[in-house]
Amino acid sequence: MELFEKLYDEHEKVQVRFVGFTTYDTRYDFGIVYTNMFFGKPLVVCMQTGRSALLDPRDIEDVEYLQKAFHIAEAQQAEDLALFFKEELPSAPFQTQYE
């Protein structure tokens, strides 16, 4: 009896972007992984906290989701982050991973 049933094991060369920026009161450092996995959503990793989220345009519009995902206390900070992501992340449509 095997303990684990492997669901997938993919190898992929991906594009990774590291970006740091500041707003009026906060510094951000993110790694953004562009991959074909995860329904085409980029994986965004906060380099300061290690928290990560898969973000598409609909996720970026949800400021409360950004607050929870990255543990941001102030709504204004999450709104600033949403503005950055709107400008910097691709607006590719949602893709189905399993066809």
PDB file of N, CA and C in Angstrom:
ATOM      1  N   MET A   1       0.850  -1.197   0.000  1.00  0.00           N
ATOM      2  CA  MET A   1       0.000   0.000   0.000  1.00  0.00           C
ATOM      3  C   MET A   1       0.885   1.246   0.000  1.00  0.00           C
ATOM      4  N   GLU A   2       0.622   2.122  -0.939  1.00  0.00           N
ATOM      5  CA  GLU A   2       1.383   3.372  -0.996  1.00  0.00           C
ATOM      6  C   GLU A   2       0.712   4.414  -0.132  1.00  0.00           C
ATOM      7  N   LEU A   3       1.520   5.189   0.551  1.00  0.00           N
ATOM      8  CA  LEU A   3       1.002   6.226   1.437  1.00  0.00           C
ATOM      9  C   LEU A   3       0.465   7.426   0.662  1.00  0.00           C
ATOM     10  N   PHE A   4       1.109   7.741  -0.465  1.00  0.00           N
ATOM     11  CA  PHE A   4       0.721   8.919  -1.235  1.00  0.00           C
ATOM     12  C   PHE A   4       0.318   8.533  -2.647  1.00  0.00           C
ATOM     13  N   GLU A   5      -0.693   9.183  -3.158  1.00  0.00           N
ATOM     14  CA  GLU A   5      -1.071   9.039  -4.558  1.00  0.00           C
ATOM     15  C   GLU A   5      -0.692  10.346  -5.253  1.00  0.00           C
ATOM     16  N   LYS A   6       0.283  10.269  -6.119  1.00  0.00           N
ATOM     17  CA  LYS A   6       0.776  11.476  -6.789  1.00  0.00           C
ATOM     18  C   LYS A   6      -0.281  11.996  -7.754  1.00  0.00           C
ATOM     19  N   LEU A   7      -0.649  13.244  -7.615  1.00  0.00           N
ATOM     20  CA  LEU A   7      -1.643  13.858  -8.488  1.00  0.00           C
ATOM     21  C   LEU A   7      -1.003  14.510  -9.715  1.00  0.00           C
ATOM     22  N   TYR A   8       0.132  15.135  -9.520  1.00  0.00           N
ATOM     23  CA  TYR A   8       0.886  15.667 -10.646  1.00  0.00           C
ATOM     24  C   TYR A   8       2.311  15.914 -10.219  1.00  0.00           C
ATOM     25  N   ASP A   9       3.189  15.929 -11.187  1.00  0.00           N
ATOM     26  CA  ASP A   9       4.609  16.177 -10.968  1.00  0.00           C
ATOM     27  C   ASP A   9       5.132  16.808 -12.243  1.00  0.00           C
ATOM     28  N   GLU A  10       5.031  18.103 -12.341  1.00  0.00           N
ATOM     29  CA  GLU A  10       5.365  18.832 -13.566  1.00  0.00           C
ATOM     30  C   GLU A  10       6.688  19.562 -13.407  1.00  0.00           C
ATOM     31  N   HIS A  11       7.427  19.603 -14.488  1.00  0.00           N
ATOM     32  CA  HIS A  11       8.637  20.418 -14.552  1.00  0.00           C
ATOM     33  C   HIS A  11       8.402  21.452 -15.644  1.00  0.00           C
ATOM     34  N   GLU A  12       8.730  22.683 -15.320  1.00  0.00           N
ATOM     35  CA  GLU A  12       8.446  23.764 -16.261  1.00  0.00           C
ATOM     36  C   GLU A  12       9.475  24.870 -16.057  1.00  0.00           C
ATOM     37  N   LYS A  13       9.981  25.394 -17.144  1.00  0.00           N
ATOM     38  CA  LYS A  13      10.820  26.584 -17.041  1.00  0.00           C
ATOM     39  C   LYS A  13       9.874  27.769 -17.011  1.00  0.00           C
ATOM     40  N   VAL A  14       9.988  28.586 -15.981  1.00  0.00           N
ATOM     41  CA  VAL A  14       9.056  29.691 -15.819  1.00  0.00           C
ATOM     42  C   VAL A  14       9.800  31.011 -15.768  1.00  0.00           C
ATOM     43  N   GLN A  15       9.059  32.052 -16.004  1.00  0.00           N
ATOM     44  CA  GLN A  15       9.584  33.407 -15.881  1.00  0.00           C
ATOM     45  C   GLN A  15       9.259  33.892 -14.470  1.00  0.00           C
ATOM     46  N   VAL A  16      10.265  34.418 -13.794  1.00  0.00           N
ATOM     47  CA  VAL A  16      10.069  34.963 -12.452  1.00  0.00           C
ATOM     48  C   VAL A  16      10.518  36.417 -12.469  1.00  0.00           C
ATOM     49  N   ARG A  17       9.702  37.251 -11.884  1.00  0.00           N
ATOM     50  CA  ARG A  17      10.011  38.681 -11.799  1.00  0.00           C
ATOM     51  C   ARG A  17      10.076  39.060 -10.321  1.00  0.00           C
ATOM     52  N   PHE A  18      11.092  39.793  -9.937  1.00  0.00           N
ATOM     53  CA  PHE A  18      11.205  40.296  -8.578  1.00  0.00           C
ATOM     54  C   PHE A  18      11.047  41.800  -8.643  1.00  0.00           C
ATOM     55  N   VAL A  19      10.162  42.323  -7.825  1.00  0.00           N
ATOM     56  CA  VAL A  19       9.897  43.755  -7.855  1.00  0.00           C
ATOM     57  C   VAL A  19       9.739  44.266  -6.425  1.00  0.00           C
ATOM     58  N   GLY A  20      10.378  45.390  -6.168  1.00  0.00           N
ATOM     59  CA  GLY A  20      10.249  46.066  -4.887  1.00  0.00           C
ATOM     60  C   GLY A  20       9.783  47.485  -5.138  1.00  0.00           C
ATOM     61  N   PHE A  21       8.903  47.966  -4.296  1.00  0.00           N
ATOM     62  CA  PHE A  21       8.398  49.330  -4.465  1.00  0.00           C
ATOM     63  C   PHE A  21       7.891  49.836  -3.121  1.00  0.00           C
ATOM     64  N   THR A  22       7.676  51.123  -3.063  1.00  0.00           N
ATOM     65  CA  THR A  22       7.134  51.728  -1.854  1.00  0.00           C
ATOM     66  C   THR A  22       5.899  52.540  -2.197  1.00  0.00           C
ATOM     67  N   THR A  23       5.030  52.656  -1.208  1.00  0.00           N
ATOM     68  CA  THR A  23       3.921  53.600  -1.270  1.00  0.00           C
ATOM     69  C   THR A  23       4.254  54.674  -0.245  1.00  0.00           C
ATOM     70  N   TYR A  24       3.277  55.478   0.117  1.00  0.00           N
ATOM     71  CA  TYR A  24       3.558  56.548   1.078  1.00  0.00           C
ATOM     72  C   TYR A  24       4.037  56.020   2.421  1.00  0.00           C
ATOM     73  N   ASP A  25       3.534  54.846   2.825  1.00  0.00           N
ATOM     74  CA  ASP A  25       3.876  54.376   4.165  1.00  0.00           C
ATOM     75  C   ASP A  25       4.330  52.918   4.245  1.00  0.00           C
ATOM     76  N   THR A  26       4.482  52.240   3.106  1.00  0.00           N
ATOM     77  CA  THR A  26       4.806  50.819   3.150  1.00  0.00           C
ATOM     78  C   THR A  26       5.784  50.442   2.045  1.00  0.00           C
ATOM     79  N   ARG A  27       6.660  49.501   2.375  1.00  0.00           N
ATOM     80  CA  ARG A  27       7.570  48.924   1.377  1.00  0.00           C
ATOM     81  C   ARG A  27       7.075  47.517   1.052  1.00  0.00           C
ATOM     82  N   TYR A  28       7.138  47.156  -0.242  1.00  0.00           N
ATOM     83  CA  TYR A  28       6.747  45.833  -0.684  1.00  0.00           C
ATOM     84  C   TYR A  28       7.873  45.211  -1.504  1.00  0.00           C
ATOM     85  N   ASP A  29       8.065  43.913  -1.351  1.00  0.00           N
ATOM     86  CA  ASP A  29       9.006  43.144  -2.148  1.00  0.00           C
ATOM     87  C   ASP A  29       8.284  41.863  -2.559  1.00  0.00           C
ATOM     88  N   PHE A  30       8.098  41.676  -3.852  1.00  0.00           N
ATOM     89  CA  PHE A  30       7.357  40.527  -4.349  1.00  0.00           C
ATOM     90  C   PHE A  30       8.160  39.759  -5.382  1.00  0.00           C
ATOM     91  N   GLY A  31       7.939  38.468  -5.398  1.00  0.00           N
ATOM     92  CA  GLY A  31       8.369  37.605  -6.480  1.00  0.00           C
ATOM     93  C   GLY A  31       7.106  37.201  -7.228  1.00  0.00           C
ATOM     94  N   ILE A  32       7.110  37.317  -8.533  1.00  0.00           N
ATOM     95  CA  ILE A  32       5.938  36.972  -9.340  1.00  0.00           C
ATOM     96  C   ILE A  32       6.348  35.866 -10.295  1.00  0.00           C
ATOM     97  N   VAL A  33       5.700  34.716 -10.161  1.00  0.00           N
ATOM     98  CA  VAL A  33       6.028  33.542 -10.956  1.00  0.00           C
ATOM     99  C   VAL A  33       4.959  33.380 -12.031  1.00  0.00           C
ATOM    100  N   TYR A  34       5.379  33.479 -13.295  1.00  0.00           N
ATOM    101  CA  TYR A  34       4.471  33.310 -14.422  1.00  0.00           C
ATOM    102  C   TYR A  34       4.595  31.863 -14.906  1.00  0.00           C
ATOM    103  N   THR A  35       3.511  31.112 -14.827  1.00  0.00           N
ATOM    104  CA  THR A  35       3.531  29.690 -15.121  1.00  0.00           C
ATOM    105  C   THR A  35       2.273  29.281 -15.881  1.00  0.00           C
ATOM    106  N   ASN A  36       2.308  28.120 -16.486  1.00  0.00           N
ATOM    107  CA  ASN A  36       1.126  27.587 -17.140  1.00  0.00           C
ATOM    108  C   ASN A  36       0.247  26.815 -16.168  1.00  0.00           C
ATOM    109  N   MET A  37       0.755  26.569 -14.988  1.00  0.00           N
ATOM    110  CA  MET A  37      -0.023  25.890 -13.954  1.00  0.00           C
ATOM    111  C   MET A  37      -0.987  26.886 -13.319  1.00  0.00           C
ATOM    112  N   PHE A  38      -1.818  26.406 -12.441  1.00  0.00           N
ATOM    113  CA  PHE A  38      -2.699  27.254 -11.629  1.00  0.00           C
ATOM    114  C   PHE A  38      -3.672  28.067 -12.471  1.00  0.00           C
ATOM    115  N   PHE A  39      -4.203  27.455 -13.500  1.00  0.00           N
ATOM    116  CA  PHE A  39      -5.225  28.096 -14.324  1.00  0.00           C
ATOM    117  C   PHE A  39      -4.727  29.373 -14.987  1.00  0.00           C
ATOM    118  N   GLY A  40      -3.431  29.495 -15.182  1.00  0.00           N
ATOM    119  CA  GLY A  40      -2.859  30.667 -15.824  1.00  0.00           C
ATOM    120  C   GLY A  40      -2.673  31.867 -14.910  1.00  0.00           C
ATOM    121  N   LYS A  41      -2.976  31.701 -13.622  1.00  0.00           N
ATOM    122  CA  LYS A  41      -2.795  32.804 -12.683  1.00  0.00           C
ATOM    123  C   LYS A  41      -1.335  32.890 -12.256  1.00  0.00           C
ATOM    124  N   PRO A  42      -0.755  34.094 -12.205  1.00  0.00           N
ATOM    125  CA  PRO A  42       0.600  34.211 -11.671  1.00  0.00           C
ATOM    126  C   PRO A  42       0.594  33.966 -10.153  1.00  0.00           C
ATOM    127  N   LEU A  43       1.662  33.334  -9.679  1.00  0.00           N
ATOM    128  CA  LEU A  43       1.848  33.111  -8.254  1.00  0.00           C
ATOM    129  C   LEU A  43       2.637  34.292  -7.708  1.00  0.00           C
ATOM    130  N   VAL A  44       2.034  35.043  -6.790  1.00  0.00           N
ATOM    131  CA  VAL A  44       2.657  36.236  -6.227  1.00  0.00           C
ATOM    132  C   VAL A  44       3.087  35.906  -4.803  1.00  0.00           C
ATOM    133  N   VAL A  45       4.389  36.075  -4.527  1.00  0.00           N
ATOM    134  CA  VAL A  45       4.947  35.744  -3.222  1.00  0.00           C
ATOM    135  C   VAL A  45       5.511  37.009  -2.587  1.00  0.00           C
ATOM    136  N   CYS A  46       5.056  37.310  -1.382  1.00  0.00           N
ATOM    137  CA  CYS A  46       5.622  38.431  -0.628  1.00  0.00           C
ATOM    138  C   CYS A  46       6.958  37.967  -0.069  1.00  0.00           C
ATOM    139  N   MET A  47       8.038  38.587  -0.475  1.00  0.00           N
ATOM    140  CA  MET A  47       9.368  38.175  -0.060  1.00  0.00           C
ATOM    141  C   MET A  47       9.648  38.539   1.398  1.00  0.00           C
ATOM    142  N   GLN A  48       8.871  39.429   1.974  1.00  0.00           N
ATOM    143  CA  GLN A  48       9.063  39.823   3.366  1.00  0.00           C
ATOM    144  C   GLN A  48       8.423  38.834   4.333  1.00  0.00           C
ATOM    145  N   THR A  49       7.258  38.308   3.967  1.00  0.00           N
ATOM    146  CA  THR A  49       6.516  37.447   4.888  1.00  0.00           C
ATOM    147  C   THR A  49       6.428  35.998   4.422  1.00  0.00           C
ATOM    148  N   GLY A  50       6.685  35.758   3.149  1.00  0.00           N
ATOM    149  CA  GLY A  50       6.546  34.420   2.597  1.00  0.00           C
ATOM    150  C   GLY A  50       5.118  34.070   2.216  1.00  0.00           C
ATOM    151  N   ARG A  51       4.188  34.962   2.435  1.00  0.00           N
ATOM    152  CA  ARG A  51       2.787  34.703   2.077  1.00  0.00           C
ATOM    153  C   ARG A  51       2.646  34.794   0.558  1.00  0.00           C
ATOM    154  N   SER A  52       1.761  33.964   0.031  1.00  0.00           N
ATOM    155  CA  SER A  52       1.602  33.929  -1.418  1.00  0.00           C
ATOM    156  C   SER A  52       0.136  33.806  -1.791  1.00  0.00           C
ATOM    157  N   ALA A  53      -0.153  34.164  -3.037  1.00  0.00           N
ATOM    158  CA  ALA A  53      -1.514  34.056  -3.564  1.00  0.00           C
ATOM    159  C   ALA A  53      -1.432  33.930  -5.077  1.00  0.00           C
ATOM    160  N   LEU A  54      -2.394  33.222  -5.626  1.00  0.00           N
ATOM    161  CA  LEU A  54      -2.585  33.181  -7.067  1.00  0.00           C
ATOM    162  C   LEU A  54      -3.548  34.301  -7.414  1.00  0.00           C
ATOM    163  N   LEU A  55      -3.149  35.180  -8.315  1.00  0.00           N
ATOM    164  CA  LEU A  55      -3.961  36.369  -8.593  1.00  0.00           C
ATOM    165  C   LEU A  55      -4.353  36.466 -10.057  1.00  0.00           C
ATOM    166  N   ASP A  56      -5.632  36.680 -10.288  1.00  0.00           N
ATOM    167  CA  ASP A  56      -6.113  37.037 -11.621  1.00  0.00           C
ATOM    168  C   ASP A  56      -6.816  38.388 -11.481  1.00  0.00           C
ATOM    169  N   PRO A  57      -7.269  38.982 -12.577  1.00  0.00           N
ATOM    170  CA  PRO A  57      -7.886  40.309 -12.490  1.00  0.00           C
ATOM    171  C   PRO A  57      -9.046  40.389 -11.499  1.00  0.00           C
ATOM    172  N   ARG A  58      -9.833  39.330 -11.373  1.00  0.00           N
ATOM    173  CA  ARG A  58     -10.952  39.358 -10.422  1.00  0.00           C
ATOM    174  C   ARG A  58     -10.451  39.366  -8.978  1.00  0.00           C
ATOM    175  N   ASP A  59      -9.383  38.623  -8.718  1.00  0.00           N
ATOM    176  CA  ASP A  59      -8.816  38.609  -7.375  1.00  0.00           C
ATOM    177  C   ASP A  59      -8.271  39.980  -6.988  1.00  0.00           C
ATOM    178  N   ILE A  60      -7.678  40.646  -7.947  1.00  0.00           N
ATOM    179  CA  ILE A  60      -7.082  41.957  -7.684  1.00  0.00           C
ATOM    180  C   ILE A  60      -8.152  42.983  -7.328  1.00  0.00           C
ATOM    181  N   GLU A  61      -9.332  42.856  -7.904  1.00  0.00           N
ATOM    182  CA  GLU A  61     -10.435  43.767  -7.607  1.00  0.00           C
ATOM    183  C   GLU A  61     -10.957  43.600  -6.181  1.00  0.00           C
ATOM    184  N   ASP A  62     -10.726  42.439  -5.586  1.00  0.00           N
ATOM    185  CA  ASP A  62     -11.241  42.121  -4.258  1.00  0.00           C
ATOM    186  C   ASP A  62     -10.220  42.543  -3.204  1.00  0.00           C
ATOM    187  N   VAL A  63     -10.337  43.763  -2.721  1.00  0.00           N
ATOM    188  CA  VAL A  63      -9.378  44.328  -1.774  1.00  0.00           C
ATOM    189  C   VAL A  63      -9.364  43.528  -0.474  1.00  0.00           C
ATOM    190  N   GLU A  64     -10.508  43.046  -0.039  1.00  0.00           N
ATOM    191  CA  GLU A  64     -10.558  42.242   1.186  1.00  0.00           C
ATOM    192  C   GLU A  64      -9.771  40.945   1.013  1.00  0.00           C
ATOM    193  N   TYR A  65      -9.843  40.350  -0.171  1.00  0.00           N
ATOM    194  CA  TYR A  65      -9.067  39.141  -0.442  1.00  0.00           C
ATOM    195  C   TYR A  65      -7.572  39.433  -0.337  1.00  0.00           C
ATOM    196  N   LEU A  66      -7.132  40.547  -0.914  1.00  0.00           N
ATOM    197  CA  LEU A  66      -5.719  40.920  -0.835  1.00  0.00           C
ATOM    198  C   LEU A  66      -5.296  41.140   0.608  1.00  0.00           C
ATOM    199  N   GLN A  67      -6.161  41.782   1.397  1.00  0.00           N
ATOM    200  CA  GLN A  67      -5.854  41.997   2.813  1.00  0.00           C
ATOM    201  C   GLN A  67      -5.645  40.671   3.533  1.00  0.00           C
ATOM    202  N   LYS A  68      -6.531  39.724   3.295  1.00  0.00           N
ATOM    203  CA  LYS A  68      -6.427  38.418   3.959  1.00  0.00           C
ATOM    204  C   LYS A  68      -5.219  37.638   3.451  1.00  0.00           C
ATOM    205  N   ALA A  69      -5.030  37.617   2.143  1.00  0.00           N
ATOM    206  CA  ALA A  69      -3.959  36.814   1.554  1.00  0.00           C
ATOM    207  C   ALA A  69      -2.578  37.266   2.020  1.00  0.00           C
ATOM    208  N   PHE A  70      -2.384  38.568   2.108  1.00  0.00           N
ATOM    209  CA  PHE A  70      -1.069  39.095   2.462  1.00  0.00           C
ATOM    210  C   PHE A  70      -1.022  39.680   3.873  1.00  0.00           C
ATOM    211  N   HIS A  71      -2.081  39.455   4.655  1.00  0.00           N
ATOM    212  CA  HIS A  71      -2.178  39.933   6.047  1.00  0.00           C
ATOM    213  C   HIS A  71      -1.863  41.424   6.139  1.00  0.00           C
ATOM    214  N   ILE A  72      -2.631  42.219   5.426  1.00  0.00           N
ATOM    215  CA  ILE A  72      -2.474  43.671   5.417  1.00  0.00           C
ATOM    216  C   ILE A  72      -3.531  44.257   6.337  1.00  0.00           C
ATOM    217  N   ALA A  73      -3.103  45.060   7.286  1.00  0.00           N
ATOM    218  CA  ALA A  73      -4.021  45.587   8.298  1.00  0.00           C
ATOM    219  C   ALA A  73      -4.910  46.714   7.762  1.00  0.00           C
ATOM    220  N   GLU A  74      -4.363  47.591   6.960  1.00  0.00           N
ATOM    221  CA  GLU A  74      -5.079  48.786   6.517  1.00  0.00           C
ATOM    222  C   GLU A  74      -5.679  48.603   5.120  1.00  0.00           C
ATOM    223  N   ALA A  75      -6.942  48.977   4.973  1.00  0.00           N
ATOM    224  CA  ALA A  75      -7.614  48.860   3.673  1.00  0.00           C
ATOM    225  C   ALA A  75      -6.905  49.704   2.608  1.00  0.00           C
ATOM    226  N   GLN A  76      -6.408  50.872   2.996  1.00  0.00           N
ATOM    227  CA  GLN A  76      -5.731  51.742   2.029  1.00  0.00           C
ATOM    228  C   GLN A  76      -4.481  51.069   1.478  1.00  0.00           C
ATOM    229  N   GLN A  77      -3.752  50.355   2.315  1.00  0.00           N
ATOM    230  CA  GLN A  77      -2.567  49.645   1.840  1.00  0.00           C
ATOM    231  C   GLN A  77      -2.955  48.565   0.827  1.00  0.00           C
ATOM    232  N   ALA A  78      -4.040  47.858   1.088  1.00  0.00           N
ATOM    233  CA  ALA A  78      -4.519  46.835   0.151  1.00  0.00           C
ATOM    234  C   ALA A  78      -4.984  47.472  -1.153  1.00  0.00           C
ATOM    235  N   GLU A  79      -5.597  48.639  -1.074  1.00  0.00           N
ATOM    236  CA  GLU A  79      -6.019  49.350  -2.286  1.00  0.00           C
ATOM    237  C   GLU A  79      -4.803  49.782  -3.103  1.00  0.00           C
ATOM    238  N   ASP A  80      -3.749  50.249  -2.429  1.00  0.00           N
ATOM    239  CA  ASP A  80      -2.513  50.610  -3.127  1.00  0.00           C
ATOM    240  C   ASP A  80      -1.915  49.392  -3.812  1.00  0.00           C
ATOM    241  N   LEU A  81      -1.939  48.269  -3.119  1.00  0.00           N
ATOM    242  CA  LEU A  81      -1.414  47.038  -3.676  1.00  0.00           C
ATOM    243  C   LEU A  81      -2.241  46.594  -4.887  1.00  0.00           C
ATOM    244  N   ALA A  82      -3.552  46.703  -4.794  1.00  0.00           N
ATOM    245  CA  ALA A  82      -4.433  46.359  -5.906  1.00  0.00           C
ATOM    246  C   ALA A  82      -4.121  47.227  -7.122  1.00  0.00           C
ATOM    247  N   LEU A  83      -3.903  48.504  -6.907  1.00  0.00           N
ATOM    248  CA  LEU A  83      -3.564  49.412  -8.004  1.00  0.00           C
ATOM    249  C   LEU A  83      -2.265  48.978  -8.681  1.00  0.00           C
ATOM    250  N   PHE A  84      -1.269  48.624  -7.885  1.00  0.00           N
ATOM    251  CA  PHE A  84      -0.006  48.154  -8.448  1.00  0.00           C
ATOM    252  C   PHE A  84      -0.228  46.897  -9.285  1.00  0.00           C
ATOM    253  N   PHE A  85      -0.951  45.915  -8.723  1.00  0.00           N
ATOM    254  CA  PHE A  85      -1.176  44.656  -9.437  1.00  0.00           C
ATOM    255  C   PHE A  85      -1.980  44.871 -10.715  1.00  0.00           C
ATOM    256  N   LYS A  86      -2.942  45.792 -10.693  1.00  0.00           N
ATOM    257  CA  LYS A  86      -3.736  46.079 -11.903  1.00  0.00           C
ATOM    258  C   LYS A  86      -2.842  46.555 -13.036  1.00  0.00           C
ATOM    259  N   GLU A  87      -1.831  47.348 -12.689  1.00  0.00           N
ATOM    260  CA  GLU A  87      -0.941  47.902 -13.703  1.00  0.00           C
ATOM    261  C   GLU A  87       0.132  46.916 -14.135  1.00  0.00           C
ATOM    262  N   GLU A  88       0.546  46.027 -13.242  1.00  0.00           N
ATOM    263  CA  GLU A  88       1.718  45.208 -13.501  1.00  0.00           C
ATOM    264  C   GLU A  88       1.448  43.746 -13.862  1.00  0.00           C
ATOM    265  N   LEU A  89       0.330  43.186 -13.444  1.00  0.00           N
ATOM    266  CA  LEU A  89       0.054  41.780 -13.745  1.00  0.00           C
ATOM    267  C   LEU A  89      -0.724  41.673 -15.051  1.00  0.00           C
ATOM    268  N   PRO A  90      -0.502  40.614 -15.803  1.00  0.00           N
ATOM    269  CA  PRO A  90      -1.230  40.456 -17.066  1.00  0.00           C
ATOM    270  C   PRO A  90      -2.716  40.285 -16.815  1.00  0.00           C
ATOM    271  N   SER A  91      -3.496  40.776 -17.722  1.00  0.00           N
ATOM    272  CA  SER A  91      -4.950  40.676 -17.584  1.00  0.00           C
ATOM    273  C   SER A  91      -5.493  39.551 -18.446  1.00  0.00           C
ATOM    274  N   ALA A  92      -4.741  38.457 -18.522  1.00  0.00           N
ATOM    275  CA  ALA A  92      -5.167  37.300 -19.328  1.00  0.00           C
ATOM    276  C   ALA A  92      -6.449  36.730 -18.753  1.00  0.00           C
ATOM    277  N   PRO A  93      -7.320  36.242 -19.599  1.00  0.00           N
ATOM    278  CA  PRO A  93      -8.568  35.668 -19.099  1.00  0.00           C
ATOM    279  C   PRO A  93      -8.324  34.378 -18.337  1.00  0.00           C
ATOM    280  N   PHE A  94      -9.272  34.041 -17.513  1.00  0.00           N
ATOM    281  CA  PHE A  94      -9.229  32.816 -16.724  1.00  0.00           C
ATOM    282  C   PHE A  94      -9.133  31.620 -17.649  1.00  0.00           C
ATOM    283  N   GLN A  95      -8.209  30.697 -17.360  1.00  0.00           N
ATOM    284  CA  GLN A  95      -8.025  29.524 -18.186  1.00  0.00           C
ATOM    285  C   GLN A  95      -8.394  28.267 -17.395  1.00  0.00           C
ATOM    286  N   THR A  96      -8.919  27.293 -18.085  1.00  0.00           N
ATOM    287  CA  THR A  96      -9.226  26.018 -17.463  1.00  0.00           C
ATOM    288  C   THR A  96      -7.990  25.147 -17.534  1.00  0.00           C
ATOM    289  N   GLN A  97      -7.536  24.666 -16.400  1.00  0.00           N
ATOM    290  CA  GLN A  97      -6.329  23.856 -16.364  1.00  0.00           C
ATOM    291  C   GLN A  97      -6.611  22.428 -16.828  1.00  0.00           C
ATOM    292  N   TYR A  98      -7.759  21.896 -16.491  1.00  0.00           N
ATOM    293  CA  TYR A  98      -8.071  20.501 -16.808  1.00  0.00           C
ATOM    294  C   TYR A  98      -9.129  20.450 -17.896  1.00  0.00           C
ATOM    295  N   GLU A  99      -8.733  20.038 -19.063  1.00  0.00           N
ATOM    296  CA  GLU A  99      -9.689  19.957 -20.178  1.00  0.00           C
ATOM    297  C   GLU A  99      -9.840  18.536 -20.631  1.00  0.00           C
TER     298      GLU A  99
END
